C-alpha cells in the first residue's frame, strides 16, 4: 500500500529501516553459522586428538594449531611444547607406521608392522623401508630385545604416548629424525579398509597358509590367496598382511613385509581417489573409525596439509625395500637365549643407518660406489679366529674389481677392528677410503719399514706383519668388524 502526501511517499511494504534490519539479521545469521562451524571443527579436531593421545578435549583445544600459536603469542610461551608435532627443515619427511593387535589379541601392543616411510616433497616421491619385528634392539651391556616390543614397553611407561616414544627410540637407533608416527590396531585397520570400500591389490603369487592365528586362545585356520588383481575387504586385507606361514616362498616375515607395503600403496590410491575425496560422508566415517583406534602426533590439520602431497605422488615414484637375511641382505639370524633375533651384518649398524638416511639410493647404486675406480692391489691377512676367512674376503673383493697379491694369516689373531695400511704414501687415498667403507675398517697411520731386506708393518699389537708380495698398495688385516661381509657362522653377543 502506497500513501501520497505532497511530495512525500511512504512505502509501508518496504521501508528503509526494515531493509537495514533484514541485512543486519542476515549478517548475524551468517556470522553465527560460521561461528558454529568453527566450534564444531575445533571440537571435532580436539576430540580426535584427545582420543588418539588419551588426553582431555580441553587440553587438546588449547593446543590445536592456530589456537596454540595465538596462546604462545599472547602468553610468551615456548613454542617447543611436548604435543607440538616434530618439524624438519629438510625436503624429506620421515613417518613411522606401526601396526599392533590391540584389544582382544595376544600381545596387544606388540608391533606386528614397522614401516619407515620417507616423503620427498621436492621430487614428489616416497620410499618405504620395512623393519622386521625380530630385529634385535640393543639395550646395552650386551642385552637385546626384539624391536617389536618397544611400543609395548613404552606404552606401559608412557600411557597414550607409546607410539611417539617408540619413534624417538627407533630414530636414535637409525641415527635419523622421525618427524611423525602413526599407530593403528587390527580392529581399526579392518574397519578402515571396509569404510574405503576395500582396496585393490595385485597378489604377486598364489599361496596358502594353514596356520593363520585366530584370537587369543592360540587357534589356527587356513587362508589362501590367488595370483592376480583382486579387491580385498578389511578382514582379507588383514589376513594378507599378517600371514607368516604361507607356502610358495610367502612364509617369511620378509615376504610379509613386502605385502604390507603393497597394502599401503592400495590404501593410498583408494584414499586419494576422486570418489573418496568427494564423499564427505565417507571422510567423516573414516575419521570416526580412526579416532578410536589410532595413536599419532599428527592432527587433523596436519593430515589435511599432507593430503595434496600424497595425492600428487605417482605410483611409479614409490620405492619399497625390506631389510632381510638373504645372501645379499643386511641381516643375519641368531638365537639369543632361545629367542630368534636378527642382527645387522655390520655390527656398528652403519649399513642399515645408511639405508635409513638415504632411502632413495638403491642397492645397485651403493654397489657401484664400492667398485674401485683404478687398479688397487691388496694383501689380505686374517686377524680373526675364523679359519679361511681371508680367502673368503679375497674372493669377494676380487669379484668387485680389486687385485689380490697374497692371502694369509696375521701374526696376531683376535683383531676386533679391521685395519688398513696404506703402502702408496697417499697416492690412492680415495680408494683406501672406499675400502674402509666396504670393510667397516680403520685406517692406520703406521708406515712400512725394512727389516732384513723385507718390508714390514708393525700393527696394532706391535707384532711385525711381513708384506709378502711386491706391488701391494694396501695391507688389509681383517678383524671382526668385517665379519658381515662374508658372515662365516657369525654369532652376535648373547645375553649374559
Protein backbone atom coordinates (compact mmCIF):
# COMPACT_ATOMS: atom_id res chain seq x y z
CA UNK A 1 0.00 0.00 0.00
CA UNK A 2 1.37 3.41 -1.04
CA UNK A 3 0.21 6.63 0.76
CA UNK A 4 0.78 10.00 -1.02
CA UNK A 5 1.12 13.28 0.89
CA UNK A 6 2.50 16.14 -1.12
CA UNK A 7 5.91 15.23 -2.45
CA UNK A 8 6.50 12.65 0.24
CA UNK A 9 5.92 8.98 -0.48
CA UNK A 10 5.93 6.21 2.17
CA UNK A 11 6.17 2.54 1.18
CA UNK A 12 4.68 0.61 4.10
CA UNK A 13 5.59 -2.70 2.47
CA UNK A 14 9.35 -1.98 2.02
CA UNK A 15 10.77 0.55 4.44
CA UNK A 16 14.43 1.50 4.50
CA UNK A 17 14.69 0.64 8.18
CA UNK A 18 13.20 -2.80 7.55
CA UNK A 19 15.73 -3.50 4.75
CA UNK A 20 18.56 -2.47 7.02
CA UNK A 21 17.18 -4.73 9.73
CA UNK A 22 16.97 -7.65 7.33
CA UNK A 23 20.57 -7.12 6.21
CA UNK A 24 21.70 -6.98 9.81
CA UNK A 25 19.78 -10.16 10.63
CA UNK A 26 21.31 -11.93 7.64
CA UNK A 27 24.80 -10.87 8.65
CA UNK A 28 24.23 -12.11 12.20
CA UNK A 29 22.93 -15.42 10.85
CA UNK A 30 25.95 -15.88 8.60
CA UNK A 31 28.34 -14.97 11.41
CA UNK A 32 26.54 -17.34 13.79
CA UNK A 33 26.71 -20.14 11.23
CA UNK A 34 30.44 -19.58 10.72
CA UNK A 35 30.96 -19.49 14.49
CA UNK A 36 29.06 -22.75 14.94
CA UNK A 37 31.06 -24.33 12.12
CA UNK A 38 34.31 -23.12 13.65
CA UNK A 39 33.46 -24.51 17.08
CA UNK A 40 32.28 -27.78 15.52
CA UNK A 41 35.56 -28.11 13.62
CA UNK A 42 37.65 -27.24 16.67
CA UNK A 43 35.64 -29.64 18.80
CA UNK A 44 35.97 -32.47 16.30
CA UNK A 45 39.71 -31.94 15.90
CA UNK A 46 40.22 -31.73 19.67
CA UNK A 47 38.11 -34.84 20.26
CA UNK A 48 40.12 -36.72 17.64
CA UNK A 49 43.44 -35.72 19.22
CA UNK A 50 42.17 -36.45 22.73
CA UNK A 51 41.04 -39.94 21.72
CA UNK A 52 44.32 -40.62 19.94
CA UNK A 53 46.52 -39.35 22.78
CA UNK A 54 44.45 -40.26 25.82
CA UNK A 55 44.22 -36.63 26.99
CA UNK A 56 41.32 -34.28 27.70
CA UNK A 57 39.38 -32.45 24.99
CA UNK A 58 40.10 -29.10 26.70
CA UNK A 59 43.85 -29.78 26.74
CA UNK A 60 43.76 -30.51 23.02
CA UNK A 61 41.61 -27.45 22.21
CA UNK A 62 44.18 -25.05 23.64
CA UNK A 63 46.99 -26.89 21.87
CA UNK A 64 45.38 -27.05 18.41
CA UNK A 65 47.44 -25.44 15.62
CA UNK A 66 46.47 -21.79 15.33
CA UNK A 67 45.00 -21.64 18.83
CA UNK A 68 48.34 -22.79 20.25
CA UNK A 69 50.13 -20.14 18.18
CA UNK A 70 47.79 -17.42 19.47
CA UNK A 71 48.27 -18.63 23.04
CA UNK A 72 52.05 -18.63 22.71
CA UNK A 73 51.99 -15.16 21.13
CA UNK A 74 49.79 -13.77 23.90
CA UNK A 75 51.48 -15.52 26.83
CA UNK A 76 55.03 -15.70 25.50
CA UNK A 77 55.20 -19.48 25.91
CA UNK A 78 57.93 -21.67 24.44
CA UNK A 79 56.98 -22.91 21.01
CA UNK A 80 58.63 -26.29 21.55
CA UNK A 81 55.77 -27.85 23.52
CA UNK A 82 55.65 -31.63 24.05
CA UNK A 83 52.50 -32.05 21.96
CA UNK A 84 53.77 -29.98 19.05
CA UNK A 85 54.48 -32.30 16.09
CA UNK A 86 58.15 -32.56 15.19
CA UNK A 87 59.17 -30.37 12.29
CA UNK A 88 62.09 -30.57 9.89
CA UNK A 89 63.61 -28.04 7.52
CA UNK A 90 64.57 -30.80 5.09
CA UNK A 91 62.73 -31.57 1.87
CA UNK A 92 62.13 -35.04 3.31
CA UNK A 93 59.59 -36.10 5.93
CA UNK A 94 60.00 -39.36 7.83
CA UNK A 95 56.84 -41.04 9.11
CA UNK A 96 56.89 -44.26 11.12
CA UNK A 97 53.92 -46.62 10.70
CA UNK A 98 53.21 -49.13 13.48
CA UNK A 99 50.57 -51.87 13.38
CA UNK A 100 49.52 -53.51 16.67
CA UNK A 101 46.97 -56.16 17.55
CA UNK A 102 45.03 -54.09 20.05
CA UNK A 103 42.39 -55.33 22.48
CA UNK A 104 41.40 -58.96 22.03
CA UNK A 105 44.72 -60.04 20.51
CA UNK A 106 47.71 -61.80 22.00
CA UNK A 107 50.40 -59.21 22.80
CA UNK A 108 48.06 -56.28 22.05
CA UNK A 109 50.81 -53.63 21.99
CA UNK A 110 53.49 -55.60 20.13
CA UNK A 111 54.27 -54.01 16.76
CA UNK A 112 53.26 -56.52 14.10
CA UNK A 113 54.20 -53.99 11.42
CA UNK A 114 57.04 -51.43 11.43
CA UNK A 115 57.47 -49.35 8.26
CA UNK A 116 59.50 -46.19 7.85
CA UNK A 117 58.11 -44.04 5.03
CA UNK A 118 60.11 -41.12 3.65
CA UNK A 119 58.28 -38.41 1.66
CA UNK A 120 60.43 -36.32 -0.65
CA UNK A 121 58.44 -33.10 -1.02
CA UNK A 122 60.77 -31.65 -3.63
CA UNK A 123 60.66 -34.56 -6.11
CA UNK A 124 57.22 -35.95 -5.18
CA UNK A 125 58.38 -39.46 -4.33
CA UNK A 126 58.10 -41.93 -1.46
CA UNK A 127 60.42 -44.65 -0.14
CA UNK A 128 59.20 -47.34 2.25
CA UNK A 129 61.55 -49.38 4.44
CA UNK A 130 60.13 -52.38 6.30
CA UNK A 131 61.86 -53.20 9.59
CA UNK A 132 61.45 -56.86 10.70
CA UNK A 133 59.77 -57.25 14.05
CA UNK A 134 62.52 -59.71 15.10
CA UNK A 135 65.30 -57.14 14.64
CA UNK A 136 67.43 -57.10 17.82
CA UNK A 137 67.17 -53.76 19.63
CA UNK A 138 70.30 -53.15 21.76
CA UNK A 139 69.60 -52.39 25.43
CA UNK A 140 73.26 -52.01 26.38
CA UNK A 141 75.56 -54.27 28.40
CA UNK A 142 75.23 -57.00 25.76
CA UNK A 143 71.45 -57.27 26.18
CA UNK A 144 68.86 -57.18 23.41
CA UNK A 145 65.11 -57.32 22.92
CA UNK A 146 63.03 -57.65 19.78
CA UNK A 147 62.25 -54.27 18.29
CA UNK A 148 58.54 -55.12 18.11
CA UNK A 149 58.35 -54.97 21.93
CA UNK A 150 59.42 -51.32 22.11
CA UNK A 151 55.90 -49.95 21.73
CA UNK A 152 54.54 -52.29 24.43
CA UNK A 153 57.13 -51.23 26.98
CA UNK A 154 56.83 -47.54 26.11
CA UNK A 155 53.04 -47.65 26.34
CA UNK A 156 53.34 -49.07 29.86
CA UNK A 157 55.73 -46.33 30.92
CA UNK A 158 54.08 -43.53 28.92
CA UNK A 159 50.33 -44.26 28.58
CA UNK A 160 48.93 -42.61 25.46
CA UNK A 161 52.39 -41.76 24.12
CA UNK A 162 53.89 -45.18 23.45
CA UNK A 163 53.99 -44.65 19.68
CA UNK A 164 55.77 -41.30 19.95
CA UNK A 165 58.35 -42.68 22.39
CA UNK A 166 58.92 -45.70 20.13
CA UNK A 167 59.55 -43.39 17.16
CA UNK A 168 62.13 -41.48 19.20
CA UNK A 169 63.98 -44.68 20.14
CA UNK A 170 63.97 -46.06 16.59
CA UNK A 171 65.08 -42.70 15.24
CA UNK A 172 68.02 -42.68 17.66
CA UNK A 173 68.94 -46.26 16.72
CA UNK A 174 68.90 -45.45 12.99
CA UNK A 175 70.53 -42.05 13.52
CA UNK A 176 67.73 -40.21 11.70
CA UNK A 177 64.97 -37.78 12.68
CA UNK A 178 61.48 -39.28 12.58
CA UNK A 179 59.05 -36.41 12.12
CA UNK A 180 55.76 -38.21 12.78
CA UNK A 181 54.35 -41.55 13.84
CA UNK A 182 51.04 -43.32 13.16
CA UNK A 183 49.99 -46.43 15.10
CA UNK A 184 46.79 -48.33 14.30
CA UNK A 185 45.34 -51.56 15.72
CA UNK A 186 43.88 -54.51 13.80
CA UNK A 187 40.25 -53.66 14.51
CA UNK A 188 40.65 -50.09 13.31
CA UNK A 189 42.58 -51.31 10.28
CA UNK A 190 39.84 -53.71 9.12
CA UNK A 191 37.08 -51.15 9.72
CA UNK A 192 39.09 -48.50 7.88
CA UNK A 193 39.55 -50.75 4.82
CA UNK A 194 35.84 -51.64 4.82
CA UNK A 195 34.89 -47.96 5.06
CA UNK A 196 37.04 -47.31 1.98
CA UNK A 197 35.02 -49.94 0.15
CA UNK A 198 38.01 -52.31 0.08
CA UNK A 199 41.33 -51.83 -1.68
CA UNK A 200 42.75 -53.15 -4.95
CA UNK A 201 45.81 -55.40 -4.58
CA UNK A 202 47.90 -57.28 -7.11
CA UNK A 203 48.85 -60.60 -5.48
CA UNK A 204 52.26 -61.45 -6.91
CA UNK A 205 52.00 -65.22 -6.39
CA UNK A 206 49.45 -67.69 -5.07
CA UNK A 207 49.96 -69.13 -1.58
CA UNK A 208 48.18 -70.93 1.25
CA UNK A 209 48.74 -70.53 4.98
CA UNK A 210 47.31 -73.36 7.11
CA UNK A 211 48.44 -71.78 10.40
CA UNK A 212 46.86 -68.34 10.41
CA UNK A 213 46.33 -67.30 14.09
CA UNK A 214 42.80 -66.87 15.46
CA UNK A 215 42.04 -64.98 18.69
CA UNK A 216 43.96 -65.15 21.96
CA UNK A 217 43.48 -68.90 22.50
CA UNK A 218 46.15 -70.00 20.03
CA UNK A 219 43.76 -71.34 17.41
CA UNK A 220 44.56 -71.67 13.70
CA UNK A 221 42.74 -71.62 10.40
CA UNK A 222 43.62 -71.73 6.71
CA UNK A 223 43.79 -68.68 4.44
CA UNK A 224 44.77 -68.63 0.78
CA UNK A 225 45.33 -66.10 -1.98
CA UNK A 226 45.45 -66.43 -5.75
CA UNK A 227 47.88 -64.62 -8.01
CA UNK A 228 46.42 -61.63 -9.83
CA UNK A 229 44.39 -58.47 -9.29
CA UNK A 230 41.75 -58.57 -6.57
CA UNK A 231 39.72 -56.28 -4.32
CA UNK A 232 40.11 -57.11 -0.64
CA UNK A 233 37.79 -56.20 2.23
CA UNK A 234 39.13 -55.37 5.69
CA UNK A 235 39.38 -58.90 7.07
CA UNK A 236 41.00 -60.30 3.93
CA UNK A 237 43.49 -57.42 3.83
CA UNK A 238 44.45 -58.10 7.45
CA UNK A 239 44.99 -61.78 6.62
CA UNK A 240 47.13 -60.81 3.64
CA UNK A 241 49.18 -58.50 5.88
CA UNK A 242 49.62 -60.90 8.82
CA UNK A 243 50.12 -64.30 7.16
CA UNK A 244 53.52 -65.74 8.21
CA UNK A 245 53.35 -69.43 7.29
CA UNK A 246 52.37 -69.42 3.63
CA UNK A 247 53.88 -71.75 1.05
CA UNK A 248 55.42 -70.78 -2.30
CA UNK A 249 58.01 -68.51 -0.70
CA UNK A 250 55.47 -66.47 1.30
CA UNK A 251 56.25 -67.97 4.72
CA UNK A 252 58.73 -65.39 6.00
CA UNK A 253 58.46 -62.06 7.75
CA UNK A 254 60.32 -60.55 4.81
CA UNK A 255 57.65 -61.67 2.33
CA UNK A 256 55.01 -60.38 4.70
CA UNK A 257 56.74 -57.00 4.94
CA UNK A 258 56.61 -56.69 1.17
CA UNK A 259 52.87 -57.47 1.19
CA UNK A 260 52.31 -54.83 3.84
CA UNK A 261 53.95 -52.24 1.61
CA UNK A 262 51.61 -53.24 -1.22
CA UNK A 263 48.67 -52.67 1.14
CA UNK A 264 49.88 -49.17 2.00
CA UNK A 265 50.02 -48.42 -1.72
CA UNK A 266 46.49 -49.75 -2.17
CA UNK A 267 45.17 -47.68 0.74
CA UNK A 268 46.84 -44.55 -0.60
CA UNK A 269 45.37 -44.97 -4.08
CA UNK A 270 41.86 -45.64 -2.76
CA UNK A 271 42.02 -42.91 -0.13
CA UNK A 272 43.07 -40.25 -2.60
CA UNK A 273 40.84 -41.37 -5.41
CA UNK A 274 38.24 -38.87 -6.65
CA UNK A 275 35.37 -40.90 -5.19
CA UNK A 276 36.75 -40.85 -1.65
CA UNK A 277 37.81 -37.22 -1.54
CA UNK A 278 34.48 -36.08 -2.98
CA UNK A 279 32.40 -38.00 -0.44
CA UNK A 280 32.05 -36.04 2.84
CA UNK A 281 30.08 -38.86 4.45
CA UNK A 282 32.88 -41.34 3.78
CA UNK A 283 35.54 -38.93 5.04
CA UNK A 284 33.54 -38.39 8.23
CA UNK A 285 33.18 -42.14 8.66
CA UNK A 286 36.91 -42.67 8.23
CA UNK A 287 37.74 -40.03 10.84
CA UNK A 288 35.28 -41.57 13.30
CA UNK A 289 36.85 -45.00 12.80
CA UNK A 290 40.39 -43.76 13.25
CA UNK A 291 39.62 -41.72 16.36
CA UNK A 292 39.18 -44.85 18.46
CA UNK A 293 41.97 -46.99 17.01
CA UNK A 294 44.90 -44.73 16.22
CA UNK A 295 47.68 -43.03 18.15
CA UNK A 296 49.59 -40.29 16.35
CA UNK A 297 51.20 -36.90 16.78
CA UNK A 298 49.54 -35.75 13.55
CA UNK A 299 46.50 -33.51 13.96
CA UNK A 300 43.57 -33.23 11.56
CA UNK A 301 45.21 -30.07 10.25
CA UNK A 302 48.45 -31.93 9.57
CA UNK A 303 46.57 -34.64 7.68
CA UNK A 304 44.87 -32.01 5.55
CA UNK A 305 48.29 -30.48 4.79
CA UNK A 306 49.72 -33.87 3.80
CA UNK A 307 46.78 -34.80 1.57
CA UNK A 308 47.80 -32.77 -1.52
CA UNK A 309 51.39 -34.10 -1.23
CA UNK A 310 50.29 -37.72 -1.10
CA UNK A 311 47.79 -37.24 -3.91
CA UNK A 312 50.46 -35.85 -6.26
CA UNK A 313 52.85 -38.80 -5.92
CA UNK A 314 52.79 -41.15 -8.89
CA UNK A 315 52.74 -44.91 -8.26
CA UNK A 316 56.00 -45.22 -10.22
CA UNK A 317 57.67 -42.85 -7.75
CA UNK A 318 57.11 -45.18 -4.79
CA UNK A 319 60.05 -47.44 -3.94
CA UNK A 320 59.92 -50.31 -1.47
CA UNK A 321 62.69 -52.04 0.46
CA UNK A 322 62.75 -54.76 3.11
CA UNK A 323 65.65 -55.50 5.46
CA UNK A 324 66.37 -59.23 5.02
CA UNK A 325 68.78 -62.02 5.96
CA UNK A 326 69.24 -63.07 2.32
CA UNK A 327 72.74 -63.61 0.91
CA UNK A 328 72.77 -60.00 -0.33
CA UNK A 329 70.72 -58.72 2.62
CA UNK A 330 71.69 -56.63 5.61
CA UNK A 331 70.79 -59.00 8.48
CA UNK A 332 71.93 -62.28 10.00
CA UNK A 333 69.79 -64.57 12.21
CA UNK A 334 70.88 -65.66 15.68
CA UNK A 335 69.49 -67.42 18.74
CA UNK A 336 69.65 -65.37 21.92
CA UNK A 337 68.64 -67.40 24.98
CA UNK A 338 66.14 -69.35 22.91
CA UNK A 339 64.72 -66.29 21.12
CA UNK A 340 65.07 -65.87 17.35
CA UNK A 341 66.53 -62.46 16.52
CA UNK A 342 68.02 -60.67 13.54
CA UNK A 343 71.26 -58.71 13.84
CA UNK A 344 72.97 -56.32 11.40
CA UNK A 345 75.72 -57.96 9.35
CA UNK A 346 77.76 -54.88 10.12
CA UNK A 347 77.64 -54.77 13.95
CA UNK A 348 78.09 -50.99 14.07
CA UNK A 349 74.72 -50.57 12.24
CA UNK A 350 76.45 -48.44 9.58
CA UNK A 351 74.81 -50.21 6.61
CA UNK A 352 71.27 -50.03 7.99
CA UNK A 353 71.75 -46.44 9.09
CA UNK A 354 72.94 -45.53 5.60
CA UNK A 355 69.80 -47.09 4.11
CA UNK A 356 67.54 -45.21 6.53
CA UNK A 357 69.30 -41.90 5.86
CA UNK A 358 69.44 -42.44 2.08
CA UNK A 359 66.16 -44.22 1.27
CA UNK A 360 66.21 -43.32 -2.41
CA UNK A 361 69.68 -44.79 -3.06
CA UNK A 362 69.28 -48.32 -4.46
CA UNK A 363 71.41 -51.36 -3.67
CA UNK A 364 72.79 -51.20 -7.20
CA UNK A 365 73.89 -47.59 -6.74
CA UNK A 366 75.59 -48.44 -3.44
CA UNK A 367 77.38 -51.41 -5.02
CA UNK A 368 78.61 -49.18 -7.85
CA UNK A 369 80.10 -46.74 -5.34
CA UNK A 370 82.15 -49.58 -3.81
CA UNK A 371 83.81 -50.59 -7.10
CA UNK A 372 87.43 -49.32 -7.31
CA UNK A 373 87.92 -46.67 -9.95
CA UNK A 374 91.59 -47.53 -10.56
CA UNK A 375 93.71 -50.67 -10.11
CA UNK A 376 94.21 -51.43 -6.40
CA UNK A 377 96.35 -54.35 -5.24
CA UNK A 378 95.67 -55.80 -1.80
CA UNK A 379 97.43 -58.20 0.53
CA UNK A 380 94.89 -59.72 2.91
CA UNK A 381 95.72 -61.28 6.30
CA UNK A 382 93.27 -62.95 8.64
CA UNK A 383 93.35 -61.31 12.08
CA UNK A 384 90.29 -63.21 13.34
CA UNK A 385 89.86 -66.74 14.72
CA UNK A 386 87.70 -67.79 11.76
CA UNK A 387 89.72 -70.16 9.62
CA UNK A 388 89.68 -69.46 5.89
CA UNK A 389 88.18 -66.02 6.39
CA UNK A 390 90.90 -64.17 4.45
CA UNK A 391 90.35 -66.38 1.41
CA UNK A 392 86.59 -65.73 1.51
CA UNK A 393 87.10 -61.97 1.71
CA UNK A 394 89.67 -62.14 -1.08
CA UNK A 395 87.16 -63.84 -3.38
CA UNK A 396 84.55 -61.21 -2.50
CA UNK A 397 86.92 -58.32 -3.23
CA UNK A 398 88.17 -59.88 -6.46
CA UNK A 399 84.56 -60.08 -7.66
CA UNK A 400 84.26 -56.35 -7.02
CA UNK A 401 87.33 -55.49 -9.10
CA UNK A 402 90.18 -55.50 -6.58
CA UNK A 403 93.51 -57.22 -7.29
CA UNK A 404 94.83 -59.53 -4.54
CA UNK A 405 98.57 -60.21 -4.42
CA UNK A 406 98.69 -62.51 -1.38
CA UNK A 407 96.44 -64.10 1.27
CA UNK A 408 97.47 -65.46 4.67
CA UNK A 409 97.18 -65.24 8.44
CA UNK A 410 98.18 -62.30 10.59
CA UNK A 411 100.93 -62.81 13.15
CA UNK A 412 98.35 -61.87 15.78
CA UNK A 413 94.80 -63.30 15.87
CA UNK A 414 91.96 -61.56 17.69
CA UNK A 415 91.57 -58.18 15.96
CA UNK A 416 88.23 -56.56 16.76
CA UNK A 417 88.54 -53.94 14.03
CA UNK A 418 89.83 -54.46 10.50
CA UNK A 419 92.94 -52.34 9.88
CA UNK A 420 94.11 -50.86 6.57
CA UNK A 421 97.71 -49.84 5.92
CA UNK A 422 98.49 -47.52 3.02
CA UNK A 423 101.69 -48.55 1.24
CA UNK A 424 101.42 -45.94 -1.54
CA UNK A 425 102.40 -42.91 0.53
CA UNK A 426 98.95 -41.32 -0.01
CA UNK A 427 98.72 -41.87 -3.77
CA UNK A 428 95.43 -43.83 -3.57
CA UNK A 429 93.61 -42.07 -0.74
CA UNK A 430 90.17 -42.23 -2.39
CA UNK A 431 90.48 -45.99 -2.83
CA UNK A 432 91.55 -46.66 0.75
CA UNK A 433 88.53 -44.66 1.92
CA UNK A 434 86.32 -46.72 -0.38
CA UNK A 435 87.75 -49.92 1.08
CA UNK A 436 87.26 -48.56 4.61
CA UNK A 437 83.54 -48.19 3.97
CA UNK A 438 83.27 -51.59 2.36
CA UNK A 439 85.03 -53.47 5.18
CA UNK A 440 83.94 -51.25 8.11
CA UNK A 441 87.66 -50.78 8.80
CA UNK A 442 90.05 -48.34 10.44
CA UNK A 443 92.87 -46.64 8.51
CA UNK A 444 96.18 -46.93 10.34
CA UNK A 445 98.86 -44.26 10.19
CA UNK A 446 101.65 -46.84 10.64
CA UNK A 447 104.27 -46.74 7.88
CA UNK A 448 106.22 -49.72 6.48
CA UNK A 449 109.84 -50.27 7.40
CA UNK A 450 112.53 -52.57 6.01
CA UNK A 451 113.81 -55.41 8.19
CA UNK A 452 116.39 -57.87 6.81
CA UNK A 453 115.53 -56.70 3.30
CA UNK A 454 111.81 -57.30 3.78
CA UNK A 455 109.02 -54.74 4.01
CA UNK A 456 107.34 -54.90 7.45
CA UNK A 457 104.43 -53.15 9.16
CA UNK A 458 104.15 -53.09 12.95
CA UNK A 459 100.44 -53.45 13.61
CA UNK A 460 98.09 -52.64 16.45
CA UNK A 461 99.67 -55.22 18.79
CA UNK A 462 103.22 -54.22 17.81
CA UNK A 463 103.76 -57.53 16.10
CA UNK A 464 105.59 -57.47 12.76
CA UNK A 465 103.46 -58.11 9.68
CA UNK A 466 105.58 -59.10 6.69
CA UNK A 467 104.41 -57.83 3.30
CA UNK A 468 104.83 -60.87 1.09
CA UNK A 469 104.26 -59.51 -2.43
CA UNK A 470 105.80 -56.59 -4.19
CA UNK A 471 103.48 -54.04 -5.75
CA UNK A 472 100.96 -54.21 -2.87
CA UNK A 473 99.06 -50.95 -2.44
CA UNK A 474 97.11 -51.69 0.73
CA UNK A 475 97.70 -54.23 3.51
CA UNK A 476 94.43 -55.48 4.99
CA UNK A 477 94.39 -57.16 8.41
CA UNK A 478 90.89 -58.49 8.92
CA UNK A 479 89.11 -58.02 12.22
CA UNK A 480 85.63 -58.97 13.45
CA UNK A 481 84.18 -55.63 12.30
CA UNK A 482 84.22 -57.03 8.74
CA UNK A 483 82.54 -60.33 9.52
CA UNK A 484 79.29 -59.11 7.98
CA UNK A 485 80.94 -59.00 4.57
CA UNK A 486 81.02 -62.80 4.41
CA UNK A 487 79.21 -63.92 7.60
CA UNK A 488 81.16 -67.13 8.36
CA UNK A 489 78.98 -68.61 11.16
CA UNK A 490 78.75 -65.16 12.68
CA UNK A 491 77.23 -65.18 16.18
CA UNK A 492 76.43 -61.81 17.81
CA UNK A 493 76.86 -61.37 21.58
CA UNK A 494 74.45 -63.32 23.76
CA UNK A 495 72.57 -62.13 26.82
CA UNK A 496 74.63 -62.91 29.95
